[in-house]
Each structure stands twice: as C-alpha cells, then as structure tokens.
Amino acid sequence: MAYQTLLYEVTHHVAHVRFNTPEKANAMVKAFWTEFKEAMYAADADPDVRVVVISGEGKHFTSGLDLSMFGDLQKQLLQTDCQARAREALRRNILDMQTTFSAIEQCRKPVIAAVHGACIGGGVDLISACDMRYCTEDAYFTVREIDLGMVADVGTLQRLPKIIAEGIAREMAYTGRNVHGPEAKAVQLVNQCYADKAAMMEDVLQIAQNIASKSPVSIRGTKEMFLFTRDHSVEDGLNYIATWNAAMLFSKDIQEALMAQMQKKKPEFIN
C-alpha cells in the first residue's frame, strides 16, 4: 500500500506499519491522521494479517502532532462569524482525531509498538492504545501537551492510567517530563527495554511471529476479552466470555491444535 507518511508491508502474517517522515522526526502531519487509520482498517480487514507491529524510520519513533496543524485550526475558527459553529467544528475535529488511535483497539489483531528515540505527545496517545509496548534504552516518552498549554485529548489521559500506576500517569501528564527507556520498563509502560533498535526489532518481530503462529480466532477473542474486561466488572467479563465461547469454542482451530499435539507437529491454522 502506498502512503505519504507510512510504510506498510505484510510478511508471514505480520503487518509492519512504519512512520516514514524521518526528515520531520515522524511528526503527525495532517495526512497521517487519515493514513494511519486506513492502515489499521486494512490490517483488520486483511485475513492474511494476524499481528501488527508499529515502529518508526530515522532517529525517532515520533515527535507527535505537527504544530502547524494548530495554525490551520486557528484559521478555521477565525473564518466564521459564529463561535458556536466554530467550536462545534473544532470538537468534531478532535473526535475524528481520536478515532485514528481508537482504530488500534478496534483492530481485532494484536498491535505492538516498538519505540526508539522520541515518543512525544501524540506518540504516547498512540502507544497507549496498543496491546504491548517495547522500547530501546535511548527512547523517551513525554506527555508534552501540558507544556503547550493544552490538555491531551486523543487518548493518553483515558488509557495511560489503565497501563501504569495512576500516580505515575498523573506525574507524566502534569509535569511533561521525559520518561526514559529503563524507567519506562520499571513502571511497566513497556514490556522490555533493549540496548538498541536492531535488538528490539529482532525480538519484537519474533514475538509477533510467535503470536501469528497461534489460532487466529483465539487471538482475536483474547484481545476482545482484554478490552472488555478493562472497562467492565469481573462479573460482566465472566458473563461475556461464557457467551463468547458458547458461540466460538468449537472452531476448526481446536481440531487442528489437538491433532498437531497428538502428531507432535506444529499446527497450521487457516486465516
């Protein structure tokens, strides 16, 4: 697929989505907000894709929102005589930007973030929506919106406290300080921290291949349960999984897994 801001390729059931504007430190320019959403929808719809990995080209993962977009938004506000209509349009714009990262959760396949260098502002919004996060020692994470005099509005404040301790999330959001790779591992923002990008990508792609070797139906169901459980009570979650498995339990994947164990071979699942 051809994008202005991304590289997208599928290899061995793994879709690799890469930020590809290194000359701008992979800033999230206007085109990115549409293209990234389209990439997530494409990965979700493609039966050959079982896992998605997100990384960045160049020196940084992403420097976050392209600040020139603020100027465009201000022009839109000034070009109308009715502030109510202008504010309504701004609200709709924010809601639309939120859908770009919500598309990560809506993708039925696990999405893994592999971060090196800077992960600023919108980058934290993005990785907070991912299933798993990995980083390099030189990586740093910053909720930079506070230093711009604004409130983060596309997912960080809603998702980050579900990943790390709320006090740490609040400290990041209130201070805008950098959380470097080793600390990110210590506070469990990331699963693992690596010496360099090459080591990280090698391991992350191996993890993705491991997941891709499992039953696609089971993996998709497991992601569904994690997301539902995050936002509901234990009782609601237990009720949902009972209903889900009543419908989904007896798939061909179970037959394949059982036969593979009996024959001591690797199972081969259909897409």
C-alpha atoms as a PDB file:
ATOM      1  CA  MET A   1       0.000   0.000   0.000  1.00  0.00           C
ATOM      2  CA  ALA A   2       1.230   3.494  -0.861  1.00  0.00           C
ATOM      3  CA  TYR A   3       1.038   6.177   1.819  1.00  0.00           C
ATOM      4  CA  GLN A   4       2.638   9.612   2.131  1.00  0.00           C
ATOM      5  CA  THR A   5       3.530   9.241   5.811  1.00  0.00           C
ATOM      6  CA  LEU A   6       3.807   5.496   6.356  1.00  0.00           C
ATOM      7  CA  LEU A   7       5.389   2.322   5.067  1.00  0.00           C
ATOM      8  CA  TYR A   8       3.098  -0.715   5.163  1.00  0.00           C
ATOM      9  CA  GLU A   9       4.126  -4.285   4.408  1.00  0.00           C
ATOM     10  CA  VAL A  10       2.900  -7.751   5.324  1.00  0.00           C
ATOM     11  CA  THR A  11       5.345 -10.623   5.842  1.00  0.00           C
ATOM     12  CA  HIS A  12       4.476 -14.030   7.310  1.00  0.00           C
ATOM     13  CA  HIS A  13       1.119 -12.809   8.678  1.00  0.00           C
ATOM     14  CA  VAL A  14       2.690  -9.732  10.341  1.00  0.00           C
ATOM     15  CA  ALA A  15       1.768  -6.240   9.129  1.00  0.00           C
ATOM     16  CA  HIS A  16       4.633  -3.813   9.792  1.00  0.00           C
ATOM     17  CA  VAL A  17       3.487  -0.181   9.872  1.00  0.00           C
ATOM     18  CA  ARG A  18       6.341   2.356   9.997  1.00  0.00           C
ATOM     19  CA  PHE A  19       6.324   6.116  10.422  1.00  0.00           C
ATOM     20  CA  ASN A  20       8.117   7.340   7.314  1.00  0.00           C
ATOM     21  CA  THR A  21       8.731  11.082   7.548  1.00  0.00           C
ATOM     22  CA  PRO A  22      12.115  10.998   9.326  1.00  0.00           C
ATOM     23  CA  GLU A  23      13.013  14.440   7.956  1.00  0.00           C
ATOM     24  CA  LYS A  24      10.242  15.767  10.227  1.00  0.00           C
ATOM     25  CA  ALA A  25      11.091  13.444  13.133  1.00  0.00           C
ATOM     26  CA  ASN A  26       7.998  11.462  12.070  1.00  0.00           C
ATOM     27  CA  ALA A  27       5.694  14.293  13.144  1.00  0.00           C
ATOM     28  CA  MET A  28       1.993  13.536  12.814  1.00  0.00           C
ATOM     29  CA  VAL A  29       1.148  15.807   9.881  1.00  0.00           C
ATOM     30  CA  LYS A  30      -2.392  16.211   8.571  1.00  0.00           C
ATOM     31  CA  ALA A  31      -2.181  13.267   6.144  1.00  0.00           C
ATOM     32  CA  PHE A  32      -1.018  10.946   8.925  1.00  0.00           C
ATOM     33  CA  TRP A  33      -4.328  11.119  10.787  1.00  0.00           C
ATOM     34  CA  THR A  34      -6.190   9.656   7.820  1.00  0.00           C
ATOM     35  CA  GLU A  35      -3.482   7.294   6.609  1.00  0.00           C
ATOM     36  CA  PHE A  36      -2.769   5.653   9.946  1.00  0.00           C
ATOM     37  CA  LYS A  37      -6.458   4.967  10.472  1.00  0.00           C
ATOM     38  CA  GLU A  38      -6.673   3.473   6.980  1.00  0.00           C
ATOM     39  CA  ALA A  39      -3.651   1.262   7.713  1.00  0.00           C
ATOM     40  CA  MET A  40      -5.313  -0.085  10.863  1.00  0.00           C
ATOM     41  CA  TYR A  41      -8.544  -0.749   8.994  1.00  0.00           C
ATOM     42  CA  ALA A  42      -6.574  -2.514   6.251  1.00  0.00           C
ATOM     43  CA  ALA A  43      -4.767  -4.727   8.761  1.00  0.00           C
ATOM     44  CA  ASP A  44      -8.040  -5.593  10.459  1.00  0.00           C
ATOM     45  CA  ALA A  45      -9.744  -6.479   7.163  1.00  0.00           C
ATOM     46  CA  ASP A  46      -6.855  -8.483   5.679  1.00  0.00           C
ATOM     47  CA  PRO A  47      -7.307 -12.183   6.567  1.00  0.00           C
ATOM     48  CA  ASP A  48      -3.582 -12.736   5.982  1.00  0.00           C
ATOM     49  CA  VAL A  49      -2.671 -10.329   8.817  1.00  0.00           C
ATOM     50  CA  ARG A  50      -2.611 -11.797  12.323  1.00  0.00           C
ATOM     51  CA  VAL A  51      -0.414  -9.260  14.166  1.00  0.00           C
ATOM     52  CA  VAL A  52       0.552  -5.604  13.620  1.00  0.00           C
ATOM     53  CA  VAL A  53       3.903  -4.033  14.563  1.00  0.00           C
ATOM     54  CA  ILE A  54       4.323  -0.243  14.639  1.00  0.00           C
ATOM     55  CA  SER A  55       7.791   1.357  14.500  1.00  0.00           C
ATOM     56  CA  GLY A  56       9.488   4.468  13.118  1.00  0.00           C
ATOM     57  CA  GLU A  57      12.099   5.200  10.463  1.00  0.00           C
ATOM     58  CA  GLY A  58      15.020   7.505  11.225  1.00  0.00           C
ATOM     59  CA  LYS A  59      16.153   8.706  14.642  1.00  0.00           C
ATOM     60  CA  HIS A  60      12.780   8.835  16.383  1.00  0.00           C
ATOM     61  CA  PHE A  61       9.524   6.935  16.749  1.00  0.00           C
ATOM     62  CA  THR A  62       7.503  10.170  16.503  1.00  0.00           C
ATOM     63  CA  SER A  63       7.727  13.764  17.665  1.00  0.00           C
ATOM     64  CA  GLY A  64       3.940  13.876  17.953  1.00  0.00           C
ATOM     65  CA  LEU A  65       1.428  16.305  16.482  1.00  0.00           C
ATOM     66  CA  ASP A  66       2.746  18.581  13.746  1.00  0.00           C
ATOM     67  CA  LEU A  67       2.361  22.013  15.352  1.00  0.00           C
ATOM     68  CA  SER A  68       1.451  23.644  12.029  1.00  0.00           C
ATOM     69  CA  MET A  69      -1.956  21.988  12.431  1.00  0.00           C
ATOM     70  CA  PHE A  70      -2.649  24.427  15.286  1.00  0.00           C
ATOM     71  CA  GLY A  71      -2.348  27.300  12.842  1.00  0.00           C
ATOM     72  CA  ASP A  72      -4.827  25.655  10.479  1.00  0.00           C
ATOM     73  CA  LEU A  73      -7.303  25.170  13.330  1.00  0.00           C
ATOM     74  CA  GLN A  74      -6.975  28.806  14.383  1.00  0.00           C
ATOM     75  CA  LYS A  75      -7.655  29.964  10.822  1.00  0.00           C
ATOM     76  CA  GLN A  76     -10.815  27.875  10.742  1.00  0.00           C
ATOM     77  CA  LEU A  77     -12.015  29.488  13.962  1.00  0.00           C
ATOM     78  CA  LEU A  78     -11.325  32.988  12.655  1.00  0.00           C
ATOM     79  CA  GLN A  79     -13.069  32.404   9.326  1.00  0.00           C
ATOM     80  CA  THR A  80     -16.538  32.082  10.834  1.00  0.00           C
ATOM     81  CA  ASP A  81     -18.764  34.704  12.388  1.00  0.00           C
ATOM     82  CA  CYS A  82     -20.479  32.171  14.651  1.00  0.00           C
ATOM     83  CA  GLN A  83     -18.322  30.920  17.521  1.00  0.00           C
ATOM     84  CA  ALA A  84     -20.827  28.159  18.340  1.00  0.00           C
ATOM     85  CA  ARG A  85     -20.412  26.668  14.869  1.00  0.00           C
ATOM     86  CA  ALA A  86     -16.657  27.117  15.006  1.00  0.00           C
ATOM     87  CA  ARG A  87     -16.390  25.364  18.383  1.00  0.00           C
ATOM     88  CA  GLU A  88     -18.682  22.590  17.203  1.00  0.00           C
ATOM     89  CA  ALA A  89     -16.415  22.059  14.190  1.00  0.00           C
ATOM     90  CA  LEU A  90     -13.359  22.002  16.468  1.00  0.00           C
ATOM     91  CA  ARG A  91     -14.992  19.403  18.712  1.00  0.00           C
ATOM     92  CA  ARG A  92     -15.788  17.231  15.695  1.00  0.00           C
ATOM     93  CA  ASN A  93     -12.180  17.581  14.542  1.00  0.00           C
ATOM     94  CA  ILE A  94     -10.897  16.354  17.908  1.00  0.00           C
ATOM     95  CA  LEU A  95     -13.352  13.461  17.931  1.00  0.00           C
ATOM     96  CA  ASP A  96     -12.200  12.487  14.434  1.00  0.00           C
ATOM     97  CA  MET A  97      -8.540  12.534  15.514  1.00  0.00           C
ATOM     98  CA  GLN A  98      -9.461  10.288  18.440  1.00  0.00           C
ATOM     99  CA  THR A  99     -10.759   7.678  16.002  1.00  0.00           C
ATOM    100  CA  THR A 100      -7.271   7.378  14.495  1.00  0.00           C
ATOM    101  CA  PHE A 101      -5.921   5.760  17.664  1.00  0.00           C
ATOM    102  CA  SER A 102      -9.154   4.050  18.633  1.00  0.00           C
ATOM    103  CA  ALA A 103      -8.692   2.166  15.355  1.00  0.00           C
ATOM    104  CA  ILE A 104      -5.796   0.360  17.082  1.00  0.00           C
ATOM    105  CA  GLU A 105      -8.185  -1.085  19.656  1.00  0.00           C
ATOM    106  CA  GLN A 106     -10.833  -1.735  17.013  1.00  0.00           C
ATOM    107  CA  CYS A 107      -8.321  -3.776  15.022  1.00  0.00           C
ATOM    108  CA  ARG A 108      -9.087  -7.360  16.040  1.00  0.00           C
ATOM    109  CA  LYS A 109      -5.425  -8.340  15.781  1.00  0.00           C
ATOM    110  CA  PRO A 110      -2.818  -7.582  18.493  1.00  0.00           C
ATOM    111  CA  VAL A 111      -0.900  -4.351  17.839  1.00  0.00           C
ATOM    112  CA  ILE A 112       2.671  -3.998  19.146  1.00  0.00           C
ATOM    113  CA  ALA A 113       4.550  -0.689  19.444  1.00  0.00           C
ATOM    114  CA  ALA A 114       8.353  -0.732  19.054  1.00  0.00           C
ATOM    115  CA  VAL A 115       9.692   2.645  20.208  1.00  0.00           C
ATOM    116  CA  HIS A 116      13.133   4.189  19.755  1.00  0.00           C
ATOM    117  CA  GLY A 117      14.195   7.787  20.259  1.00  0.00           C
ATOM    118  CA  ALA A 118      11.399  10.263  20.924  1.00  0.00           C
ATOM    119  CA  CYS A 119       7.803   9.305  21.625  1.00  0.00           C
ATOM    120  CA  ILE A 120       6.205  12.675  22.266  1.00  0.00           C
ATOM    121  CA  GLY A 121       2.625  13.843  22.760  1.00  0.00           C
ATOM    122  CA  GLY A 122       0.513  12.040  20.178  1.00  0.00           C
ATOM    123  CA  GLY A 123       3.041   9.213  20.241  1.00  0.00           C
ATOM    124  CA  VAL A 124       2.031   8.448  23.829  1.00  0.00           C
ATOM    125  CA  ASP A 125      -1.631   8.594  22.789  1.00  0.00           C
ATOM    126  CA  LEU A 126      -0.844   6.044  20.079  1.00  0.00           C
ATOM    127  CA  ILE A 127       1.155   3.551  22.126  1.00  0.00           C
ATOM    128  CA  SER A 128      -1.387   3.714  24.960  1.00  0.00           C
ATOM    129  CA  ALA A 129      -3.912   2.128  22.597  1.00  0.00           C
ATOM    130  CA  CYS A 130      -1.548  -0.730  21.661  1.00  0.00           C
ATOM    131  CA  ASP A 131      -1.650  -4.217  23.150  1.00  0.00           C
ATOM    132  CA  MET A 132       2.051  -4.261  24.035  1.00  0.00           C
ATOM    133  CA  ARG A 133       4.930  -1.808  24.021  1.00  0.00           C
ATOM    134  CA  TYR A 134       8.709  -2.298  23.738  1.00  0.00           C
ATOM    135  CA  CYS A 135      11.472   0.302  23.613  1.00  0.00           C
ATOM    136  CA  THR A 136      15.188   0.995  23.400  1.00  0.00           C
ATOM    137  CA  GLU A 137      17.309   2.440  26.196  1.00  0.00           C
ATOM    138  CA  ASP A 138      17.541   5.753  24.322  1.00  0.00           C
ATOM    139  CA  ALA A 139      13.769   6.014  23.959  1.00  0.00           C
ATOM    140  CA  TYR A 140      11.887   8.628  25.952  1.00  0.00           C
ATOM    141  CA  PHE A 141       8.183   9.202  26.474  1.00  0.00           C
ATOM    142  CA  THR A 142       6.692  12.651  27.074  1.00  0.00           C
ATOM    143  CA  VAL A 143       3.138  13.874  27.577  1.00  0.00           C
ATOM    144  CA  ARG A 144       4.161  17.195  26.060  1.00  0.00           C
ATOM    145  CA  GLU A 145       0.710  18.768  25.773  1.00  0.00           C
ATOM    146  CA  ILE A 146       0.993  20.370  29.224  1.00  0.00           C
ATOM    147  CA  ASP A 147       3.956  22.449  28.009  1.00  0.00           C
ATOM    148  CA  LEU A 148       1.834  23.727  25.119  1.00  0.00           C
ATOM    149  CA  GLY A 149      -0.847  24.981  27.479  1.00  0.00           C
ATOM    150  CA  MET A 150      -3.364  22.332  26.498  1.00  0.00           C
ATOM    151  CA  VAL A 151      -4.927  19.120  27.797  1.00  0.00           C
ATOM    152  CA  ALA A 152      -4.034  15.873  25.994  1.00  0.00           C
ATOM    153  CA  ASP A 153      -7.185  14.972  24.094  1.00  0.00           C
ATOM    154  CA  VAL A 154      -6.721  11.892  21.909  1.00  0.00           C
ATOM    155  CA  GLY A 155      -6.353   9.073  24.419  1.00  0.00           C
ATOM    156  CA  THR A 156      -3.404   9.393  26.814  1.00  0.00           C
ATOM    157  CA  LEU A 157      -5.400  10.571  29.843  1.00  0.00           C
ATOM    158  CA  GLN A 158      -8.014   7.870  29.303  1.00  0.00           C
ATOM    159  CA  ARG A 159      -5.746   4.892  28.563  1.00  0.00           C
ATOM    160  CA  LEU A 160      -2.398   5.522  30.267  1.00  0.00           C
ATOM    161  CA  PRO A 161      -3.786   5.158  33.846  1.00  0.00           C
ATOM    162  CA  LYS A 162      -5.062   1.699  32.821  1.00  0.00           C
ATOM    163  CA  ILE A 163      -1.494   0.687  31.910  1.00  0.00           C
ATOM    164  CA  ILE A 164       0.728   2.187  34.620  1.00  0.00           C
ATOM    165  CA  ALA A 165       0.138   3.362  38.191  1.00  0.00           C
ATOM    166  CA  GLU A 166      -2.213   6.341  38.202  1.00  0.00           C
ATOM    167  CA  GLY A 167       0.230   8.453  40.215  1.00  0.00           C
ATOM    168  CA  ILE A 168       2.944   7.960  37.580  1.00  0.00           C
ATOM    169  CA  ALA A 169       0.489   8.737  34.795  1.00  0.00           C
ATOM    170  CA  ARG A 170      -0.554  11.935  36.570  1.00  0.00           C
ATOM    171  CA  GLU A 171       3.076  12.927  37.136  1.00  0.00           C
ATOM    172  CA  MET A 172       3.812  12.477  33.435  1.00  0.00           C
ATOM    173  CA  ALA A 173       0.742  14.491  32.431  1.00  0.00           C
ATOM    174  CA  TYR A 174       1.232  17.291  34.984  1.00  0.00           C
ATOM    175  CA  THR A 175       4.997  17.768  34.514  1.00  0.00           C
ATOM    176  CA  GLY A 176       5.618  16.835  30.879  1.00  0.00           C
ATOM    177  CA  ARG A 177       8.938  15.300  31.927  1.00  0.00           C
ATOM    178  CA  ASN A 178      10.778  12.680  29.899  1.00  0.00           C
ATOM    179  CA  VAL A 179      10.437   9.057  30.973  1.00  0.00           C
ATOM    180  CA  HIS A 180      13.439   7.236  29.522  1.00  0.00           C
ATOM    181  CA  GLY A 181      13.569   3.625  28.409  1.00  0.00           C
ATOM    182  CA  PRO A 182      14.815   1.978  31.633  1.00  0.00           C
ATOM    183  CA  GLU A 183      12.268   3.881  33.731  1.00  0.00           C
ATOM    184  CA  ALA A 184       9.519   3.026  31.249  1.00  0.00           C
ATOM    185  CA  LYS A 185      10.361  -0.632  31.836  1.00  0.00           C
ATOM    186  CA  ALA A 186      10.418  -0.122  35.631  1.00  0.00           C
ATOM    187  CA  VAL A 187       6.937   1.470  35.687  1.00  0.00           C
ATOM    188  CA  GLN A 188       5.643  -1.187  33.254  1.00  0.00           C
ATOM    189  CA  LEU A 189       4.864   1.230  30.457  1.00  0.00           C
ATOM    190  CA  VAL A 190       6.834  -1.159  28.249  1.00  0.00           C
ATOM    191  CA  ASN A 191       7.318  -4.916  28.457  1.00  0.00           C
ATOM    192  CA  GLN A 192      11.041  -4.808  27.727  1.00  0.00           C
ATOM    193  CA  CYS A 193      13.837  -2.310  27.119  1.00  0.00           C
ATOM    194  CA  TYR A 194      16.655  -3.095  24.654  1.00  0.00           C
ATOM    195  CA  ALA A 195      20.164  -1.767  24.103  1.00  0.00           C
ATOM    196  CA  ASP A 196      19.429  -0.613  20.539  1.00  0.00           C
ATOM    197  CA  LYS A 197      16.818  -0.609  17.803  1.00  0.00           C
ATOM    198  CA  ALA A 198      18.231  -3.614  15.964  1.00  0.00           C
ATOM    199  CA  ALA A 199      17.979  -5.816  19.055  1.00  0.00           C
ATOM    200  CA  MET A 200      14.489  -4.516  19.783  1.00  0.00           C
ATOM    201  CA  MET A 201      13.156  -5.107  16.287  1.00  0.00           C
ATOM    202  CA  GLU A 202      14.627  -8.610  16.135  1.00  0.00           C
ATOM    203  CA  ASP A 203      12.915  -9.594  19.377  1.00  0.00           C
ATOM    204  CA  VAL A 204       9.635  -7.778  18.666  1.00  0.00           C
ATOM    205  CA  LEU A 205       9.293  -9.435  15.263  1.00  0.00           C
ATOM    206  CA  GLN A 206       9.978 -12.825  16.866  1.00  0.00           C
ATOM    207  CA  ILE A 207       7.234 -12.129  19.416  1.00  0.00           C
ATOM    208  CA  ALA A 208       4.913 -11.126  16.572  1.00  0.00           C
ATOM    209  CA  GLN A 209       5.727 -14.340  14.701  1.00  0.00           C
ATOM    210  CA  ASN A 210       5.017 -16.348  17.849  1.00  0.00           C
ATOM    211  CA  ILE A 211       1.586 -14.730  18.165  1.00  0.00           C
ATOM    212  CA  ALA A 212       0.951 -15.187  14.436  1.00  0.00           C
ATOM    213  CA  SER A 213       1.544 -18.934  14.834  1.00  0.00           C
ATOM    214  CA  LYS A 214      -1.393 -19.248  17.241  1.00  0.00           C
ATOM    215  CA  SER A 215      -5.070 -19.750  16.409  1.00  0.00           C
ATOM    216  CA  PRO A 216      -6.253 -16.501  14.759  1.00  0.00           C
ATOM    217  CA  VAL A 217      -9.748 -16.982  16.168  1.00  0.00           C
ATOM    218  CA  SER A 218      -8.385 -17.496  19.688  1.00  0.00           C
ATOM    219  CA  ILE A 219      -6.069 -14.487  19.479  1.00  0.00           C
ATOM    220  CA  ARG A 220      -8.871 -12.226  18.260  1.00  0.00           C
ATOM    221  CA  GLY A 221     -11.159 -13.483  21.020  1.00  0.00           C
ATOM    222  CA  THR A 222      -8.472 -12.953  23.649  1.00  0.00           C
ATOM    223  CA  LYS A 223      -7.982  -9.322  22.574  1.00  0.00           C
ATOM    224  CA  GLU A 224     -11.736  -8.800  22.698  1.00  0.00           C
ATOM    225  CA  MET A 225     -11.832 -10.126  26.266  1.00  0.00           C
ATOM    226  CA  PHE A 226      -8.925  -7.964  27.462  1.00  0.00           C
ATOM    227  CA  LEU A 227     -10.576  -4.799  26.133  1.00  0.00           C
ATOM    228  CA  PHE A 228     -13.987  -5.692  27.549  1.00  0.00           C
ATOM    229  CA  THR A 229     -12.560  -6.628  30.952  1.00  0.00           C
ATOM    230  CA  ARG A 230     -10.617  -3.349  31.179  1.00  0.00           C
ATOM    231  CA  ASP A 231     -13.844  -1.357  31.036  1.00  0.00           C
ATOM    232  CA  HIS A 232     -16.241  -3.694  32.906  1.00  0.00           C
ATOM    233  CA  SER A 233     -16.555  -5.594  36.159  1.00  0.00           C
ATOM    234  CA  VAL A 234     -15.196  -9.100  36.700  1.00  0.00           C
ATOM    235  CA  GLU A 235     -18.752 -10.433  36.756  1.00  0.00           C
ATOM    236  CA  ASP A 236     -19.561  -8.764  33.437  1.00  0.00           C
ATOM    237  CA  GLY A 237     -16.341 -10.123  31.946  1.00  0.00           C
ATOM    238  CA  LEU A 238     -17.083 -13.683  33.063  1.00  0.00           C
ATOM    239  CA  ASN A 239     -20.576 -13.472  31.623  1.00  0.00           C
ATOM    240  CA  TYR A 240     -19.220 -12.167  28.302  1.00  0.00           C
ATOM    241  CA  ILE A 241     -16.590 -14.889  27.901  1.00  0.00           C
ATOM    242  CA  ALA A 242     -19.202 -17.554  28.646  1.00  0.00           C
ATOM    243  CA  THR A 243     -21.410 -16.150  25.893  1.00  0.00           C
ATOM    244  CA  TRP A 244     -18.447 -15.717  23.531  1.00  0.00           C
ATOM    245  CA  ASN A 245     -17.208 -19.281  23.944  1.00  0.00           C
ATOM    246  CA  ALA A 246     -20.707 -20.687  23.677  1.00  0.00           C
ATOM    247  CA  ALA A 247     -20.623 -19.285  20.147  1.00  0.00           C
ATOM    248  CA  MET A 248     -16.915 -19.591  19.232  1.00  0.00           C
ATOM    249  CA  LEU A 249     -15.437 -22.510  21.178  1.00  0.00           C
ATOM    250  CA  PHE A 250     -15.730 -25.341  18.668  1.00  0.00           C
ATOM    251  CA  SER A 251     -13.744 -23.919  15.781  1.00  0.00           C
ATOM    252  CA  LYS A 252     -11.588 -25.829  13.318  1.00  0.00           C
ATOM    253  CA  ASP A 253      -8.614 -24.320  15.140  1.00  0.00           C
ATOM    254  CA  ILE A 254      -9.260 -26.540  18.160  1.00  0.00           C
ATOM    255  CA  GLN A 255      -9.306 -29.619  15.937  1.00  0.00           C
ATOM    256  CA  GLU A 256      -6.056 -28.538  14.295  1.00  0.00           C
ATOM    257  CA  ALA A 257      -4.378 -27.800  17.656  1.00  0.00           C
ATOM    258  CA  LEU A 258      -5.395 -31.155  19.149  1.00  0.00           C
ATOM    259  CA  MET A 259      -4.311 -33.109  16.078  1.00  0.00           C
ATOM    260  CA  ALA A 260      -0.982 -31.277  15.991  1.00  0.00           C
ATOM    261  CA  GLN A 261      -0.326 -32.163  19.640  1.00  0.00           C
ATOM    262  CA  MET A 262      -1.170 -35.803  19.006  1.00  0.00           C
ATOM    263  CA  GLN A 263       1.086 -35.893  15.952  1.00  0.00           C
ATOM    264  CA  LYS A 264       3.790 -33.803  17.671  1.00  0.00           C
ATOM    265  CA  LYS A 265       3.912 -31.231  14.891  1.00  0.00           C
ATOM    266  CA  LYS A 266       3.338 -27.522  14.561  1.00  0.00           C
ATOM    267  CA  PRO A 267      -0.321 -26.618  13.926  1.00  0.00           C
ATOM    268  CA  GLU A 268      -1.170 -24.798  10.718  1.00  0.00           C
ATOM    269  CA  PHE A 269      -4.216 -22.584  11.076  1.00  0.00           C
ATOM    270  CA  ILE A 270      -6.313 -21.136   8.270  1.00  0.00           C
ATOM    271  CA  ASN A 271      -6.720 -17.376   8.141  1.00  0.00           C
END
